[in-house]
C-alpha atoms as a PDB file:
ATOM      1  CA  MET A   1     -21.346  11.166 -10.679  1.00  0.00           C
ATOM      2  CA  PRO A   2     -19.447  13.088  -7.884  1.00  0.00           C
ATOM      3  CA  SER A   3     -21.237  12.962  -4.641  1.00  0.00           C
ATOM      4  CA  ASP A   4     -21.768  16.115  -2.448  1.00  0.00           C
ATOM      5  CA  ASP A   5     -19.231  14.439   0.154  1.00  0.00           C
ATOM      6  CA  GLU A   6     -16.772  14.364  -2.417  1.00  0.00           C
ATOM      7  CA  LYS A   7     -17.160  17.837  -3.668  1.00  0.00           C
ATOM      8  CA  GLU A   8     -17.057  19.147  -0.269  1.00  0.00           C
ATOM      9  CA  LEU A   9     -13.796  17.072   0.413  1.00  0.00           C
ATOM     10  CA  LEU A  10     -12.166  18.569  -2.377  1.00  0.00           C
ATOM     11  CA  ILE A  11     -13.053  22.157  -1.876  1.00  0.00           C
ATOM     12  CA  ARG A  12     -11.535  21.354   1.644  1.00  0.00           C
ATOM     13  CA  ILE A  13      -8.360  20.058   0.101  1.00  0.00           C
ATOM     14  CA  ARG A  14      -8.123  23.063  -2.087  1.00  0.00           C
ATOM     15  CA  LYS A  15      -8.116  25.125   1.038  1.00  0.00           C
ATOM     16  CA  ASP A  16      -5.813  22.857   3.055  1.00  0.00           C
ATOM     17  CA  PRO A  17      -3.712  20.506   0.910  1.00  0.00           C
ATOM     18  CA  GLN A  18      -2.926  18.391   3.992  1.00  0.00           C
ATOM     19  CA  LEU A  19      -6.732  17.013   3.813  1.00  0.00           C
ATOM     20  CA  PHE A  20      -5.529  15.253   0.665  1.00  0.00           C
ATOM     21  CA  SER A  21      -4.740  12.352   3.263  1.00  0.00           C
ATOM     22  CA  VAL A  22      -8.436  11.831   3.848  1.00  0.00           C
ATOM     23  CA  LEU A  23      -8.694  11.281  -0.071  1.00  0.00           C
ATOM     24  CA  TYR A  24      -5.584   9.090   0.068  1.00  0.00           C
ATOM     25  CA  ASP A  25      -6.919   6.754   3.256  1.00  0.00           C
ATOM     26  CA  ARG A  26     -10.447   6.356   1.349  1.00  0.00           C
ATOM     27  CA  TYR A  27      -9.212   5.126  -2.021  1.00  0.00           C
ATOM     28  CA  TYR A  28      -5.427   3.606  -1.530  1.00  0.00           C
ATOM     29  CA  THR A  29      -6.787   0.218  -1.008  1.00  0.00           C
ATOM     30  CA  PRO A  30      -9.055   0.051  -3.869  1.00  0.00           C
ATOM     31  CA  ILE A  31      -6.669   1.547  -6.291  1.00  0.00           C
ATOM     32  CA  PHE A  32      -3.642  -0.589  -4.938  1.00  0.00           C
ATOM     33  CA  ALA A  33      -5.709  -3.801  -5.388  1.00  0.00           C
ATOM     34  CA  TYR A  34      -6.711  -2.831  -8.913  1.00  0.00           C
ATOM     35  CA  VAL A  35      -2.993  -1.978  -9.842  1.00  0.00           C
ATOM     36  CA  PHE A  36      -1.523  -5.173  -8.041  1.00  0.00           C
ATOM     37  CA  ARG A  37      -4.167  -7.229 -10.152  1.00  0.00           C
ATOM     38  CA  ARG A  38      -3.327  -5.537 -13.351  1.00  0.00           C
ATOM     39  CA  LEU A  39       0.677  -6.020 -12.763  1.00  0.00           C
ATOM     40  CA  GLY A  40       0.834  -9.106 -10.697  1.00  0.00           C
ATOM     41  CA  ASN A  41       3.809  -7.736  -8.942  1.00  0.00           C
ATOM     42  CA  TYR A  42       3.651  -6.160  -5.577  1.00  0.00           C
ATOM     43  CA  GLU A  43       6.480  -3.898  -5.617  1.00  0.00           C
ATOM     44  CA  SER A  44       5.545  -2.385  -8.942  1.00  0.00           C
ATOM     45  CA  ALA A  45       1.974  -2.145  -7.776  1.00  0.00           C
ATOM     46  CA  ARG A  46       3.132  -0.081  -4.839  1.00  0.00           C
ATOM     47  CA  ASP A  47       5.143   2.315  -6.927  1.00  0.00           C
ATOM     48  CA  LEU A  48       2.599   2.932  -9.487  1.00  0.00           C
ATOM     49  CA  THR A  49      -0.128   3.262  -6.873  1.00  0.00           C
ATOM     50  CA  ALA A  50       2.226   5.800  -5.201  1.00  0.00           C
ATOM     51  CA  GLU A  51       2.761   7.447  -8.556  1.00  0.00           C
ATOM     52  CA  SER A  52      -1.088   7.724  -9.304  1.00  0.00           C
ATOM     53  CA  PHE A  53      -1.708   9.447  -6.054  1.00  0.00           C
ATOM     54  CA  LEU A  54       1.315  11.818  -6.473  1.00  0.00           C
ATOM     55  CA  LYS A  55      -0.101  12.991  -9.690  1.00  0.00           C
ATOM     56  CA  ALA A  56      -3.896  13.238  -8.378  1.00  0.00           C
ATOM     57  CA  PHE A  57      -2.262  15.449  -5.584  1.00  0.00           C
ATOM     58  CA  GLN A  58      -0.476  17.512  -7.948  1.00  0.00           C
ATOM     59  CA  LYS A  59      -3.710  17.801 -10.205  1.00  0.00           C
ATOM     60  CA  ILE A  60      -6.303  17.980  -7.389  1.00  0.00           C
ATOM     61  CA  ASN A  61      -6.860  21.776  -8.157  1.00  0.00           C
ATOM     62  CA  SER A  62      -7.488  21.199 -11.988  1.00  0.00           C
ATOM     63  CA  PHE A  63     -10.133  18.377 -11.325  1.00  0.00           C
ATOM     64  CA  GLN A  64     -13.194  19.600 -12.819  1.00  0.00           C
ATOM     65  CA  TRP A  65     -16.820  18.764 -11.661  1.00  0.00           C
ATOM     66  CA  ARG A  66     -18.243  17.186 -14.749  1.00  0.00           C
ATOM     67  CA  ALA A  67     -19.928  13.976 -14.963  1.00  0.00           C
ATOM     68  CA  ILE A  68     -16.894  11.973 -13.385  1.00  0.00           C
ATOM     69  CA  SER A  69     -16.502  10.872  -9.673  1.00  0.00           C
ATOM     70  CA  VAL A  70     -13.380  11.485  -7.893  1.00  0.00           C
ATOM     71  CA  SER A  71     -13.105   7.516  -7.718  1.00  0.00           C
ATOM     72  CA  SER A  72     -13.462   7.358 -11.431  1.00  0.00           C
ATOM     73  CA  TRP A  73     -10.691  10.104 -11.935  1.00  0.00           C
ATOM     74  CA  LEU A  74      -8.178   8.104  -9.585  1.00  0.00           C
ATOM     75  CA  TYR A  75      -8.915   4.930 -11.511  1.00  0.00           C
ATOM     76  CA  ARG A  76      -8.306   6.962 -14.620  1.00  0.00           C
ATOM     77  CA  ILE A  77      -4.795   8.021 -13.511  1.00  0.00           C
ATOM     78  CA  ALA A  78      -4.066   4.709 -12.337  1.00  0.00           C
ATOM     79  CA  THR A  79      -5.056   3.055 -15.639  1.00  0.00           C
ATOM     80  CA  ASN A  80      -2.800   5.592 -17.506  1.00  0.00           C
ATOM     81  CA  GLU A  81       0.091   4.862 -15.102  1.00  0.00           C
ATOM     82  CA  ILE A  82      -0.356   1.115 -15.769  1.00  0.00           C
ATOM     83  CA  ASN A  83      -0.458   1.710 -19.509  1.00  0.00           C
ATOM     84  CA  ASN A  84       2.504   3.761 -19.426  1.00  0.00           C
ATOM     85  CA  TYR A  85       4.291   1.080 -17.456  1.00  0.00           C
ATOM     86  CA  PHE A  86       3.556  -1.428 -19.925  1.00  0.00           C
ATOM     87  CA  ARG A  87       4.808   0.841 -22.749  1.00  0.00           C
ATOM     88  CA  LYS A  88       7.921   1.930 -21.311  1.00  0.00           C
ATOM     89  CA  SER A  89       9.244  -1.361 -19.695  1.00  0.00           C
ATOM     90  CA  LYS A  90       8.373  -3.501 -22.644  1.00  0.00           C
ATOM     91  CA  TYR A  91       6.691  -5.660 -20.451  1.00  0.00           C
ATOM     92  CA  LYS A  92       6.771  -9.459 -20.709  1.00  0.00           C
ATOM     93  CA  PRO A  93       4.226 -11.240 -18.272  1.00  0.00           C
ATOM     94  CA  SER A  94       5.784 -13.815 -16.242  1.00  0.00           C
ATOM     95  CA  ARG A  95       3.824 -16.802 -14.418  1.00  0.00           C
ATOM     96  CA  LEU A  96       2.204 -15.267 -11.146  1.00  0.00           C
ATOM     97  CA  GLU A  97       3.702 -18.305  -9.185  1.00  0.00           C
ATOM     98  CA  ASP A  98       7.176 -17.486 -10.153  1.00  0.00           C
ATOM     99  CA  ILE A  99       6.930 -13.903  -8.748  1.00  0.00           C
ATOM    100  CA  GLN A 100       9.395 -13.521  -6.209  1.00  0.00           C
ATOM    101  CA  LEU A 101       8.428 -10.913  -3.250  1.00  0.00           C
ATOM    102  CA  HIS A 102      11.632  -9.530  -1.768  1.00  0.00           C
ATOM    103  CA  GLN A 103      11.783 -11.244   1.882  1.00  0.00           C
ATOM    104  CA  HIS A 104      14.842  -9.127   2.820  1.00  0.00           C
ATOM    105  CA  LEU A 105      13.328  -5.900   2.644  1.00  0.00           C
ATOM    106  CA  GLN A 106      11.709  -4.567   5.692  1.00  0.00           C
ATOM    107  CA  TYR A 107       8.164  -3.284   5.508  1.00  0.00           C
ATOM    108  CA  GLU A 108       6.054  -1.716   8.064  1.00  0.00           C
ATOM    109  CA  GLU A 109       4.011  -4.023  10.029  1.00  0.00           C
ATOM    110  CA  GLY A 110       0.876  -3.131   8.019  1.00  0.00           C
ATOM    111  CA  LEU A 111       2.670  -3.639   4.742  1.00  0.00           C
ATOM    112  CA  GLU A 112       4.184  -6.966   5.591  1.00  0.00           C
ATOM    113  CA  THR A 113       0.313  -7.884   6.496  1.00  0.00           C
ATOM    114  CA  GLU A 114      -0.962  -6.838   3.233  1.00  0.00           C
ATOM    115  CA  LYS A 115       1.677  -8.590   1.430  1.00  0.00           C
ATOM    116  CA  ALA A 116       1.211 -11.903   3.251  1.00  0.00           C
ATOM    117  CA  SER A 117      -2.336 -11.512   2.371  1.00  0.00           C
ATOM    118  CA  LEU A 118      -1.701 -11.289  -1.029  1.00  0.00           C
ATOM    119  CA  GLU A 119       0.494 -13.892  -1.299  1.00  0.00           C
ATOM    120  CA  LYS A 120      -1.656 -16.248   0.490  1.00  0.00           C
ATOM    121  CA  ALA A 121      -4.569 -15.429  -1.937  1.00  0.00           C
ATOM    122  CA  PHE A 122      -2.511 -16.118  -5.076  1.00  0.00           C
ATOM    123  CA  ARG A 123      -1.276 -19.432  -3.781  1.00  0.00           C
ATOM    124  CA  GLU A 124      -4.863 -20.527  -2.936  1.00  0.00           C
ATOM    125  CA  ASN A 125      -6.503 -19.486  -6.045  1.00  0.00           C
ATOM    126  CA  ARG A 126      -4.800 -21.371  -8.977  1.00  0.00           C
ATOM    127  CA  GLU A 127      -7.695 -20.710 -11.343  1.00  0.00           C
ATOM    128  CA  PHE A 128      -7.650 -16.817 -10.758  1.00  0.00           C
ATOM    129  CA  THR A 129      -3.808 -17.039 -11.411  1.00  0.00           C
ATOM    130  CA  THR A 130      -4.333 -18.832 -14.819  1.00  0.00           C
ATOM    131  CA  VAL A 131      -6.846 -16.083 -15.642  1.00  0.00           C
ATOM    132  CA  GLN A 132      -4.567 -13.496 -14.532  1.00  0.00           C
ATOM    133  CA  GLN A 133      -1.463 -14.873 -16.759  1.00  0.00           C
ATOM    134  CA  GLN A 134      -3.874 -15.066 -19.716  1.00  0.00           C
ATOM    135  CA  LEU A 135      -5.084 -11.491 -19.107  1.00  0.00           C
ATOM    136  CA  LEU A 136      -1.588 -10.283 -19.140  1.00  0.00           C
ATOM    137  CA  LEU A 137      -1.153 -11.507 -22.641  1.00  0.00           C
ATOM    138  CA  LEU A 138      -4.011  -9.635 -23.979  1.00  0.00           C
ATOM    139  CA  ASP A 139      -3.994  -6.197 -25.529  1.00  0.00           C
ATOM    140  CA  ILE A 140      -3.935  -3.403 -22.878  1.00  0.00           C
ATOM    141  CA  SER A 141      -7.297  -2.260 -23.915  1.00  0.00           C
ATOM    142  CA  TYR A 142      -9.061  -5.210 -23.168  1.00  0.00           C
ATOM    143  CA  GLN A 143      -6.972  -5.795 -19.994  1.00  0.00           C
ATOM    144  CA  GLU A 144      -8.131  -2.491 -18.395  1.00  0.00           C
ATOM    145  CA  ILE A 145     -11.923  -3.267 -19.426  1.00  0.00           C
ATOM    146  CA  ILE A 146     -11.790  -6.709 -17.978  1.00  0.00           C
ATOM    147  CA  ALA A 147      -9.936  -5.735 -14.814  1.00  0.00           C
ATOM    148  CA  LEU A 148     -12.232  -2.819 -14.027  1.00  0.00           C
ATOM    149  CA  ARG A 149     -15.370  -4.718 -14.694  1.00  0.00           C
ATOM    150  CA  PHE A 150     -14.520  -8.116 -13.099  1.00  0.00           C
ATOM    151  CA  PHE A 151     -11.968  -7.138 -10.430  1.00  0.00           C
ATOM    152  CA  GLU A 152     -13.265  -3.990  -9.459  1.00  0.00           C
ATOM    153  CA  GLY A 153     -16.913  -4.423  -9.941  1.00  0.00           C
ATOM    154  CA  LYS A 154     -17.164  -1.344 -11.971  1.00  0.00           C
ATOM    155  CA  SER A 155     -20.342  -0.707 -14.086  1.00  0.00           C
ATOM    156  CA  ILE A 156     -19.901  -0.138 -17.814  1.00  0.00           C
ATOM    157  CA  LYS A 157     -20.802   3.549 -17.182  1.00  0.00           C
ATOM    158  CA  GLU A 158     -17.989   4.003 -14.689  1.00  0.00           C
ATOM    159  CA  ILE A 159     -15.662   2.001 -16.862  1.00  0.00           C
ATOM    160  CA  ALA A 160     -16.514   4.502 -19.829  1.00  0.00           C
ATOM    161  CA  GLU A 161     -15.694   7.420 -17.601  1.00  0.00           C
ATOM    162  CA  ILE A 162     -12.398   5.982 -16.263  1.00  0.00           C
ATOM    163  CA  VAL A 163     -10.972   5.037 -19.869  1.00  0.00           C
ATOM    164  CA  GLY A 164     -12.748   8.053 -21.409  1.00  0.00           C
ATOM    165  CA  ARG A 165     -14.639   5.960 -24.132  1.00  0.00           C
ATOM    166  CA  LYS A 166     -18.266   5.587 -25.180  1.00  0.00           C
ATOM    167  CA  GLU A 167     -20.467   2.747 -23.181  1.00  0.00           C
ATOM    168  CA  GLY A 168     -20.798   1.039 -26.433  1.00  0.00           C
ATOM    169  CA  THR A 169     -17.299   0.682 -27.084  1.00  0.00           C
ATOM    170  CA  VAL A 170     -16.655  -0.661 -23.576  1.00  0.00           C
ATOM    171  CA  LYS A 171     -19.536  -3.042 -24.148  1.00  0.00           C
ATOM    172  CA  SER A 172     -17.875  -4.151 -27.345  1.00  0.00           C
ATOM    173  CA  LEU A 173     -14.016  -4.256 -25.990  1.00  0.00           C
ATOM    174  CA  LEU A 174     -15.450  -6.159 -22.920  1.00  0.00           C
ATOM    175  CA  SER A 175     -17.125  -9.095 -24.887  1.00  0.00           C
ATOM    176  CA  ARG A 176     -14.280  -9.439 -27.469  1.00  0.00           C
ATOM    177  CA  GLY A 177     -11.853  -9.339 -24.654  1.00  0.00           C
ATOM    178  CA  MET A 178     -13.698 -11.850 -22.478  1.00  0.00           C
ATOM    179  CA  GLU A 179     -14.056 -14.311 -25.841  1.00  0.00           C
ATOM    180  CA  LYS A 180     -10.168 -13.836 -26.262  1.00  0.00           C
ATOM    181  CA  LEU A 181      -9.717 -14.633 -22.582  1.00  0.00           C
ATOM    182  CA  ARG A 182     -11.936 -17.581 -22.667  1.00  0.00           C
ATOM    183  CA  ILE A 183     -10.022 -19.187 -25.624  1.00  0.00           C
ATOM    184  CA  ALA A 184      -6.614 -18.272 -24.187  1.00  0.00           C
ATOM    185  CA  VAL A 185      -7.490 -20.014 -20.766  1.00  0.00           C
ATOM    186  CA  GLU A 186      -9.044 -22.990 -22.653  1.00  0.00           C
ATOM    187  CA  LYS A 187      -5.721 -23.444 -24.442  1.00  0.00           C
ATOM    188  CA  SER A 188      -3.475 -23.256 -21.203  1.00  0.00           C
END
């Protein structure tokens, strides 16, 4: 449910579009983390996160105050971008430990720190890597539900808002997806 703070911020953004930076600063990190965990690729995650915020900026005036928060709206945009990425690129998951981040590119100090932290986290957590690899092999509908629930800590209601499905459908997809993931991890 949209908060009064979010509603006030959006009213201010509609009057002064430069205030979109407040929304960007507030939600960039969680949206980027969600996209990164879904893709497992740093550069692609940065690109899709940027594209998600660009689309949000372009559509901010058409955001309607229904029963959905700005956060859920941004996750929905990011989820759609991820799904488009998978469809358009004929994506074939690779092993996360084989991902090569381009060392020759120069990033701002903050981005370099963010990149180093993410690389370290992947190296230190082999179990997560195995689960992530197997998750990428599941149907996209399972991937998004599982990622939102367990990586982002979203409630069933929030996930239903983000993916535009009924809560019962989300519960069913989550249950079936987790069973498929469990079997895949056991086989790997």
